[in-house]
Amino acid sequence: PSPSLSVEDDGLRVNFVVEGLSYNQLNADSALLTRFIAAVRNKIAAAAGAGVTSDMVSVVVQPGSVRVSAVIEVSSSTGVSAVKDSLLINIDSTFREELAEVVGNIDGISAATTGQLTVGEVGIFDDSGSASGSIRSGLLDMVWYG
């Protein structure tokens, strides 16, 4: 079973799609999937800023090229707003290019590639209702970069 993707008061969610990568091929190779998830966790933790480590980032992958949903568990000492601010600054087109490069450099990834690796729009979700320039969707505010 997949971990829950509900966003609690102490978390943020980051969603994006990796194009040029076969979900079925990636999912069929558990070692490759583990390396992929580790690379994504490290990159998101770095974008989230000080106080966030990769072990605070949970990643779920789903079909549709490879759809990635990551939940960042934020400690009370770090604070959701500080992590959100860091993500809003650090997740841009450069982040998308760098993440595609990181994924492309994963050992064995060529077995799952179907074309040029690209990372689509990145959505940052929280439940605070305070994201500037956001689009209201249900209980979550969304900020899209793409």
N, C-alpha and C. Protein backbone atom coordinates (compact mmCIF):
# COMPACT_ATOMS: atom_id res chain seq x y z
N PRO A 1 0.82 -1.20 0.00
CA PRO A 1 0.00 0.00 0.00
C PRO A 1 0.86 1.25 0.00
N SER A 2 0.37 2.25 -0.70
CA SER A 2 1.09 3.52 -0.78
C SER A 2 0.90 4.30 0.51
N PRO A 3 1.93 5.07 0.90
CA PRO A 3 1.75 5.91 2.08
C PRO A 3 0.70 6.98 1.80
N SER A 4 0.09 7.48 2.84
CA SER A 4 -0.92 8.52 2.70
C SER A 4 -0.28 9.80 2.18
N LEU A 5 -0.99 10.49 1.31
CA LEU A 5 -0.48 11.76 0.80
C LEU A 5 -1.25 12.94 1.37
N SER A 6 -2.01 12.71 2.44
CA SER A 6 -2.71 13.83 3.04
C SER A 6 -1.69 14.78 3.65
N VAL A 7 -1.97 16.05 3.55
CA VAL A 7 -1.05 17.06 4.07
C VAL A 7 -1.53 17.45 5.45
N GLU A 8 -0.69 17.22 6.43
CA GLU A 8 -1.02 17.59 7.80
C GLU A 8 -0.58 19.03 8.05
N ASP A 9 -0.84 19.52 9.25
CA ASP A 9 -0.44 20.89 9.60
C ASP A 9 1.06 21.07 9.57
N ASP A 10 1.82 19.98 9.62
CA ASP A 10 3.27 20.07 9.69
C ASP A 10 3.93 19.51 8.43
N GLY A 11 3.28 19.66 7.28
CA GLY A 11 3.87 19.12 6.06
C GLY A 11 3.50 19.90 4.82
N LEU A 12 4.27 19.65 3.78
CA LEU A 12 4.05 20.24 2.46
C LEU A 12 4.13 19.12 1.44
N ARG A 13 3.46 19.30 0.32
CA ARG A 13 3.51 18.30 -0.74
C ARG A 13 4.05 18.95 -2.01
N VAL A 14 4.91 18.22 -2.71
CA VAL A 14 5.50 18.66 -3.96
C VAL A 14 5.16 17.61 -5.01
N ASN A 15 4.53 18.02 -6.11
CA ASN A 15 4.13 17.09 -7.17
C ASN A 15 4.74 17.51 -8.50
N PHE A 16 5.14 16.53 -9.30
CA PHE A 16 5.62 16.79 -10.65
C PHE A 16 5.62 15.49 -11.43
N VAL A 17 5.84 15.61 -12.74
CA VAL A 17 5.91 14.45 -13.63
C VAL A 17 7.28 14.41 -14.27
N VAL A 18 7.89 13.23 -14.29
CA VAL A 18 9.14 13.02 -15.01
C VAL A 18 8.76 12.38 -16.35
N GLU A 19 8.97 13.10 -17.43
CA GLU A 19 8.68 12.60 -18.78
C GLU A 19 9.91 11.88 -19.32
N GLY A 20 9.66 10.94 -20.24
CA GLY A 20 10.76 10.20 -20.84
C GLY A 20 11.22 9.02 -20.01
N LEU A 21 10.38 8.63 -19.06
CA LEU A 21 10.73 7.54 -18.15
C LEU A 21 9.52 6.62 -18.04
N SER A 22 9.74 5.33 -18.17
CA SER A 22 8.67 4.35 -18.10
C SER A 22 8.40 3.95 -16.65
N TYR A 23 7.20 4.21 -16.18
CA TYR A 23 6.82 3.80 -14.83
C TYR A 23 6.94 2.28 -14.69
N ASN A 24 6.44 1.55 -15.68
CA ASN A 24 6.46 0.09 -15.60
C ASN A 24 7.88 -0.45 -15.49
N GLN A 25 8.80 0.08 -16.30
CA GLN A 25 10.19 -0.35 -16.25
C GLN A 25 10.84 0.02 -14.91
N LEU A 26 10.57 1.23 -14.46
CA LEU A 26 11.13 1.71 -13.19
C LEU A 26 10.60 0.85 -12.04
N ASN A 27 9.31 0.61 -12.04
CA ASN A 27 8.67 -0.14 -10.96
C ASN A 27 9.07 -1.62 -10.97
N ALA A 28 9.46 -2.14 -12.13
CA ALA A 28 9.84 -3.55 -12.25
C ALA A 28 11.21 -3.85 -11.65
N ASP A 29 12.02 -2.82 -11.46
CA ASP A 29 13.38 -2.99 -10.95
C ASP A 29 13.46 -2.30 -9.59
N SER A 30 13.32 -3.07 -8.52
CA SER A 30 13.25 -2.48 -7.18
C SER A 30 14.51 -1.70 -6.81
N ALA A 31 15.68 -2.16 -7.25
CA ALA A 31 16.92 -1.44 -6.94
C ALA A 31 16.95 -0.08 -7.67
N LEU A 32 16.51 -0.08 -8.92
CA LEU A 32 16.46 1.17 -9.69
C LEU A 32 15.44 2.13 -9.09
N LEU A 33 14.28 1.61 -8.70
CA LEU A 33 13.26 2.44 -8.07
C LEU A 33 13.78 3.04 -6.77
N THR A 34 14.50 2.26 -5.99
CA THR A 34 15.08 2.76 -4.74
C THR A 34 16.07 3.89 -5.01
N ARG A 35 16.91 3.72 -6.05
CA ARG A 35 17.88 4.78 -6.40
C ARG A 35 17.16 6.04 -6.89
N PHE A 36 16.10 5.85 -7.68
CA PHE A 36 15.31 6.98 -8.19
C PHE A 36 14.69 7.75 -7.03
N ILE A 37 14.04 7.04 -6.11
CA ILE A 37 13.40 7.70 -4.97
C ILE A 37 14.43 8.41 -4.11
N ALA A 38 15.58 7.81 -3.89
CA ALA A 38 16.64 8.46 -3.09
C ALA A 38 17.10 9.75 -3.75
N ALA A 39 17.27 9.74 -5.07
CA ALA A 39 17.71 10.94 -5.79
C ALA A 39 16.66 12.05 -5.68
N VAL A 40 15.39 11.70 -5.82
CA VAL A 40 14.31 12.68 -5.72
C VAL A 40 14.24 13.23 -4.29
N ARG A 41 14.32 12.36 -3.30
CA ARG A 41 14.27 12.80 -1.90
C ARG A 41 15.40 13.79 -1.60
N ASN A 42 16.61 13.47 -2.07
CA ASN A 42 17.76 14.35 -1.82
C ASN A 42 17.58 15.71 -2.47
N LYS A 43 17.08 15.73 -3.70
CA LYS A 43 16.92 16.99 -4.44
C LYS A 43 15.83 17.85 -3.79
N ILE A 44 14.73 17.24 -3.39
CA ILE A 44 13.66 18.01 -2.75
C ILE A 44 14.11 18.52 -1.39
N ALA A 45 14.80 17.69 -0.62
CA ALA A 45 15.30 18.14 0.69
C ALA A 45 16.24 19.33 0.53
N ALA A 46 17.10 19.29 -0.47
CA ALA A 46 18.01 20.41 -0.70
C ALA A 46 17.23 21.68 -1.04
N ALA A 47 16.18 21.56 -1.85
CA ALA A 47 15.37 22.72 -2.21
C ALA A 47 14.57 23.25 -1.02
N ALA A 48 14.24 22.35 -0.08
CA ALA A 48 13.44 22.75 1.09
C ALA A 48 14.25 23.56 2.09
N GLY A 49 15.57 23.49 2.02
CA GLY A 49 16.41 24.35 2.85
C GLY A 49 16.85 23.73 4.16
N ALA A 50 17.47 24.58 4.96
CA ALA A 50 18.05 24.16 6.23
C ALA A 50 17.00 23.53 7.12
N GLY A 51 17.41 22.49 7.80
CA GLY A 51 16.52 21.82 8.72
C GLY A 51 15.73 20.68 8.10
N VAL A 52 15.78 20.53 6.77
CA VAL A 52 15.07 19.44 6.10
C VAL A 52 16.10 18.47 5.55
N THR A 53 15.97 17.21 5.95
CA THR A 53 16.86 16.16 5.45
C THR A 53 16.04 15.21 4.58
N SER A 54 16.74 14.41 3.79
CA SER A 54 16.04 13.51 2.88
C SER A 54 15.15 12.51 3.61
N ASP A 55 15.48 12.17 4.86
CA ASP A 55 14.63 11.23 5.59
C ASP A 55 13.32 11.87 6.03
N MET A 56 13.15 13.17 5.84
CA MET A 56 11.91 13.87 6.13
C MET A 56 11.01 13.96 4.89
N VAL A 57 11.47 13.41 3.78
CA VAL A 57 10.74 13.47 2.52
C VAL A 57 10.27 12.07 2.14
N SER A 58 8.96 11.89 2.01
CA SER A 58 8.38 10.63 1.56
C SER A 58 8.01 10.79 0.09
N VAL A 59 8.29 9.78 -0.72
CA VAL A 59 8.03 9.86 -2.15
C VAL A 59 7.18 8.68 -2.59
N VAL A 60 6.16 8.96 -3.38
CA VAL A 60 5.33 7.95 -4.01
C VAL A 60 5.38 8.20 -5.51
N VAL A 61 5.60 7.14 -6.29
CA VAL A 61 5.57 7.26 -7.75
C VAL A 61 4.35 6.52 -8.29
N GLN A 62 3.79 7.09 -9.37
CA GLN A 62 2.60 6.52 -9.99
C GLN A 62 2.74 6.60 -11.50
N PRO A 63 1.95 5.80 -12.23
CA PRO A 63 2.04 5.84 -13.69
C PRO A 63 1.55 7.17 -14.25
N GLY A 64 1.91 7.41 -15.51
CA GLY A 64 1.59 8.65 -16.20
C GLY A 64 2.92 9.30 -16.52
N SER A 65 3.71 8.67 -17.39
CA SER A 65 5.16 8.78 -17.40
C SER A 65 5.54 8.33 -15.99
N VAL A 66 6.17 9.18 -15.20
CA VAL A 66 6.34 8.87 -13.78
C VAL A 66 5.87 10.08 -13.00
N ARG A 67 4.72 9.95 -12.37
CA ARG A 67 4.19 11.03 -11.54
C ARG A 67 4.77 10.86 -10.14
N VAL A 68 5.30 11.95 -9.61
CA VAL A 68 5.94 11.93 -8.30
C VAL A 68 5.15 12.81 -7.34
N SER A 69 4.81 12.26 -6.20
CA SER A 69 4.22 13.02 -5.10
C SER A 69 5.14 12.86 -3.91
N ALA A 70 5.65 13.96 -3.42
CA ALA A 70 6.55 13.93 -2.27
C ALA A 70 5.92 14.72 -1.13
N VAL A 71 5.97 14.17 0.06
CA VAL A 71 5.48 14.86 1.24
C VAL A 71 6.68 15.17 2.13
N ILE A 72 6.81 16.42 2.49
CA ILE A 72 7.90 16.86 3.37
C ILE A 72 7.31 17.02 4.77
N GLU A 73 7.80 16.22 5.70
CA GLU A 73 7.40 16.34 7.10
C GLU A 73 8.26 17.44 7.71
N VAL A 74 7.63 18.48 8.18
CA VAL A 74 8.36 19.63 8.69
C VAL A 74 8.32 19.63 10.21
N SER A 75 9.49 19.77 10.82
CA SER A 75 9.55 19.80 12.29
C SER A 75 9.05 21.15 12.78
N SER A 76 8.57 21.17 14.00
CA SER A 76 8.06 22.42 14.57
C SER A 76 9.17 23.46 14.71
N SER A 77 10.41 22.99 14.90
CA SER A 77 11.52 23.95 15.04
C SER A 77 11.86 24.61 13.70
N THR A 78 11.61 23.91 12.59
CA THR A 78 11.88 24.49 11.27
C THR A 78 10.71 25.34 10.82
N GLY A 79 9.50 24.83 10.93
CA GLY A 79 8.31 25.57 10.57
C GLY A 79 7.93 25.43 9.10
N VAL A 80 6.64 25.22 8.87
CA VAL A 80 6.12 25.04 7.51
C VAL A 80 6.38 26.28 6.66
N SER A 81 6.17 27.47 7.22
CA SER A 81 6.31 28.68 6.40
C SER A 81 7.75 28.89 5.94
N ALA A 82 8.73 28.56 6.77
CA ALA A 82 10.13 28.70 6.36
C ALA A 82 10.47 27.73 5.24
N VAL A 83 9.99 26.49 5.34
CA VAL A 83 10.26 25.50 4.30
C VAL A 83 9.53 25.89 3.02
N LYS A 84 8.29 26.34 3.15
CA LYS A 84 7.52 26.78 1.98
C LYS A 84 8.23 27.94 1.28
N ASP A 85 8.71 28.90 2.05
CA ASP A 85 9.44 30.04 1.46
C ASP A 85 10.67 29.55 0.70
N SER A 86 11.40 28.62 1.28
CA SER A 86 12.60 28.08 0.63
C SER A 86 12.22 27.37 -0.67
N LEU A 87 11.15 26.57 -0.63
CA LEU A 87 10.70 25.88 -1.85
C LEU A 87 10.30 26.87 -2.93
N LEU A 88 9.58 27.92 -2.54
CA LEU A 88 9.13 28.92 -3.52
C LEU A 88 10.32 29.62 -4.19
N ILE A 89 11.40 29.77 -3.45
CA ILE A 89 12.60 30.39 -4.01
C ILE A 89 13.39 29.40 -4.86
N ASN A 90 13.52 28.16 -4.38
CA ASN A 90 14.44 27.21 -4.99
C ASN A 90 13.86 26.34 -6.10
N ILE A 91 12.54 26.20 -6.14
CA ILE A 91 11.96 25.36 -7.19
C ILE A 91 11.57 26.26 -8.35
N ASP A 92 12.38 26.18 -9.39
CA ASP A 92 12.18 26.97 -10.60
C ASP A 92 12.61 26.12 -11.78
N SER A 93 12.76 26.73 -12.95
CA SER A 93 13.14 25.94 -14.12
C SER A 93 14.52 25.30 -13.95
N THR A 94 15.42 25.96 -13.21
CA THR A 94 16.74 25.39 -12.96
C THR A 94 16.60 24.11 -12.13
N PHE A 95 15.74 24.12 -11.13
CA PHE A 95 15.48 22.93 -10.33
C PHE A 95 15.02 21.79 -11.22
N ARG A 96 14.12 22.08 -12.14
CA ARG A 96 13.58 21.05 -13.02
C ARG A 96 14.68 20.48 -13.91
N GLU A 97 15.53 21.34 -14.45
CA GLU A 97 16.64 20.88 -15.29
C GLU A 97 17.64 20.05 -14.49
N GLU A 98 17.95 20.52 -13.28
CA GLU A 98 18.91 19.79 -12.43
C GLU A 98 18.35 18.45 -12.01
N LEU A 99 17.07 18.38 -11.68
CA LEU A 99 16.46 17.12 -11.29
C LEU A 99 16.47 16.13 -12.46
N ALA A 100 16.17 16.61 -13.67
CA ALA A 100 16.22 15.74 -14.84
C ALA A 100 17.63 15.21 -15.05
N GLU A 101 18.64 16.06 -14.81
CA GLU A 101 20.03 15.62 -14.94
C GLU A 101 20.38 14.59 -13.87
N VAL A 102 19.95 14.83 -12.63
CA VAL A 102 20.21 13.89 -11.54
C VAL A 102 19.58 12.53 -11.86
N VAL A 103 18.34 12.55 -12.33
CA VAL A 103 17.66 11.30 -12.69
C VAL A 103 18.40 10.62 -13.83
N GLY A 104 18.83 11.39 -14.82
CA GLY A 104 19.55 10.82 -15.96
C GLY A 104 20.88 10.19 -15.58
N ASN A 105 21.44 10.60 -14.45
CA ASN A 105 22.72 10.06 -13.99
C ASN A 105 22.59 8.89 -13.03
N ILE A 106 21.36 8.46 -12.74
CA ILE A 106 21.17 7.32 -11.86
C ILE A 106 21.67 6.06 -12.56
N ASP A 107 22.45 5.29 -11.85
CA ASP A 107 22.99 4.04 -12.39
C ASP A 107 21.85 3.13 -12.83
N GLY A 108 21.84 2.74 -14.10
CA GLY A 108 20.85 1.82 -14.64
C GLY A 108 19.59 2.47 -15.16
N ILE A 109 19.48 3.79 -15.10
CA ILE A 109 18.24 4.47 -15.50
C ILE A 109 17.94 4.30 -16.99
N SER A 110 18.97 4.08 -17.80
CA SER A 110 18.74 3.95 -19.24
C SER A 110 17.80 2.79 -19.57
N ALA A 111 17.72 1.79 -18.70
CA ALA A 111 16.80 0.67 -18.93
C ALA A 111 15.34 1.10 -18.85
N ALA A 112 15.07 2.23 -18.22
CA ALA A 112 13.69 2.70 -18.05
C ALA A 112 13.37 3.96 -18.85
N THR A 113 14.35 4.49 -19.57
CA THR A 113 14.09 5.72 -20.32
C THR A 113 13.42 5.41 -21.64
N THR A 114 12.52 6.32 -22.03
CA THR A 114 11.78 6.18 -23.29
C THR A 114 12.05 7.35 -24.23
N GLY A 115 12.86 8.27 -23.80
CA GLY A 115 13.16 9.48 -24.57
C GLY A 115 13.92 10.44 -23.69
N GLN A 116 13.93 11.71 -24.09
CA GLN A 116 14.62 12.72 -23.31
C GLN A 116 13.93 12.89 -21.96
N LEU A 117 14.73 12.89 -20.88
CA LEU A 117 14.19 13.07 -19.53
C LEU A 117 13.93 14.55 -19.28
N THR A 118 12.71 14.86 -18.91
CA THR A 118 12.35 16.22 -18.53
C THR A 118 11.45 16.15 -17.31
N VAL A 119 11.46 17.22 -16.53
CA VAL A 119 10.58 17.33 -15.37
C VAL A 119 9.57 18.42 -15.69
N GLY A 120 8.30 18.07 -15.58
CA GLY A 120 7.23 19.02 -15.88
C GLY A 120 7.02 20.03 -14.77
N GLU A 121 5.88 20.70 -14.85
CA GLU A 121 5.53 21.69 -13.85
C GLU A 121 5.59 21.10 -12.46
N VAL A 122 6.02 21.92 -11.51
CA VAL A 122 6.13 21.49 -10.12
C VAL A 122 5.05 22.20 -9.32
N GLY A 123 4.25 21.44 -8.60
CA GLY A 123 3.23 22.02 -7.73
C GLY A 123 3.65 21.91 -6.29
N ILE A 124 3.47 22.99 -5.54
CA ILE A 124 3.76 23.00 -4.11
C ILE A 124 2.43 23.22 -3.40
N PHE A 125 2.06 22.29 -2.54
CA PHE A 125 0.76 22.34 -1.89
C PHE A 125 0.93 22.44 -0.38
N ASP A 126 0.07 23.22 0.24
CA ASP A 126 -0.02 23.21 1.69
C ASP A 126 -1.47 23.43 2.08
N ASP A 127 -1.73 23.45 3.37
CA ASP A 127 -3.11 23.66 3.81
C ASP A 127 -3.28 24.98 4.55
N SER A 128 -2.32 25.90 4.40
CA SER A 128 -2.39 27.15 5.15
C SER A 128 -3.23 28.22 4.47
N GLY A 129 -3.42 28.09 3.15
CA GLY A 129 -4.18 29.10 2.43
C GLY A 129 -3.42 30.40 2.24
N SER A 130 -2.07 30.36 2.38
CA SER A 130 -1.32 31.61 2.35
C SER A 130 -0.34 31.74 1.18
N ALA A 131 -0.38 30.80 0.23
CA ALA A 131 0.58 30.89 -0.88
C ALA A 131 0.22 32.06 -1.78
N SER A 132 1.15 32.95 -1.99
CA SER A 132 0.87 34.10 -2.85
C SER A 132 0.82 33.64 -4.30
N GLY A 133 -0.10 34.23 -5.05
CA GLY A 133 -0.25 33.87 -6.45
C GLY A 133 -0.78 32.46 -6.65
N SER A 134 -1.47 31.95 -5.66
CA SER A 134 -1.92 30.56 -5.73
C SER A 134 -3.27 30.45 -6.41
N ILE A 135 -3.57 29.22 -6.82
CA ILE A 135 -4.87 28.89 -7.40
C ILE A 135 -5.59 28.04 -6.37
N ARG A 136 -6.76 28.44 -5.97
CA ARG A 136 -7.50 27.71 -4.92
C ARG A 136 -8.04 26.40 -5.49
N SER A 137 -7.80 25.31 -4.80
CA SER A 137 -8.30 24.00 -5.21
C SER A 137 -8.66 23.21 -3.97
N GLY A 138 -9.93 23.09 -3.70
CA GLY A 138 -10.35 22.37 -2.51
C GLY A 138 -9.81 23.03 -1.26
N LEU A 139 -9.18 22.24 -0.40
CA LEU A 139 -8.62 22.77 0.83
C LEU A 139 -7.17 23.19 0.68
N LEU A 140 -6.61 22.94 -0.51
CA LEU A 140 -5.18 23.20 -0.69
C LEU A 140 -4.95 24.40 -1.58
N ASP A 141 -3.89 25.11 -1.33
CA ASP A 141 -3.44 26.16 -2.25
C ASP A 141 -2.35 25.58 -3.09
N MET A 142 -2.32 25.95 -4.36
CA MET A 142 -1.34 25.40 -5.29
C MET A 142 -0.51 26.54 -5.88
N VAL A 143 0.76 26.31 -6.00
CA VAL A 143 1.64 27.22 -6.71
C VAL A 143 2.35 26.38 -7.75
N TRP A 144 2.19 26.73 -9.01
CA TRP A 144 2.78 25.93 -10.10
C TRP A 144 3.94 26.66 -10.72
N TYR A 145 5.00 25.94 -10.97
CA TYR A 145 6.16 26.48 -11.65
C TYR A 145 6.39 25.66 -12.89
N GLY A 146 6.43 26.29 -14.05
CA GLY A 146 6.64 25.54 -15.26
C GLY A 146 6.75 26.33 -16.45
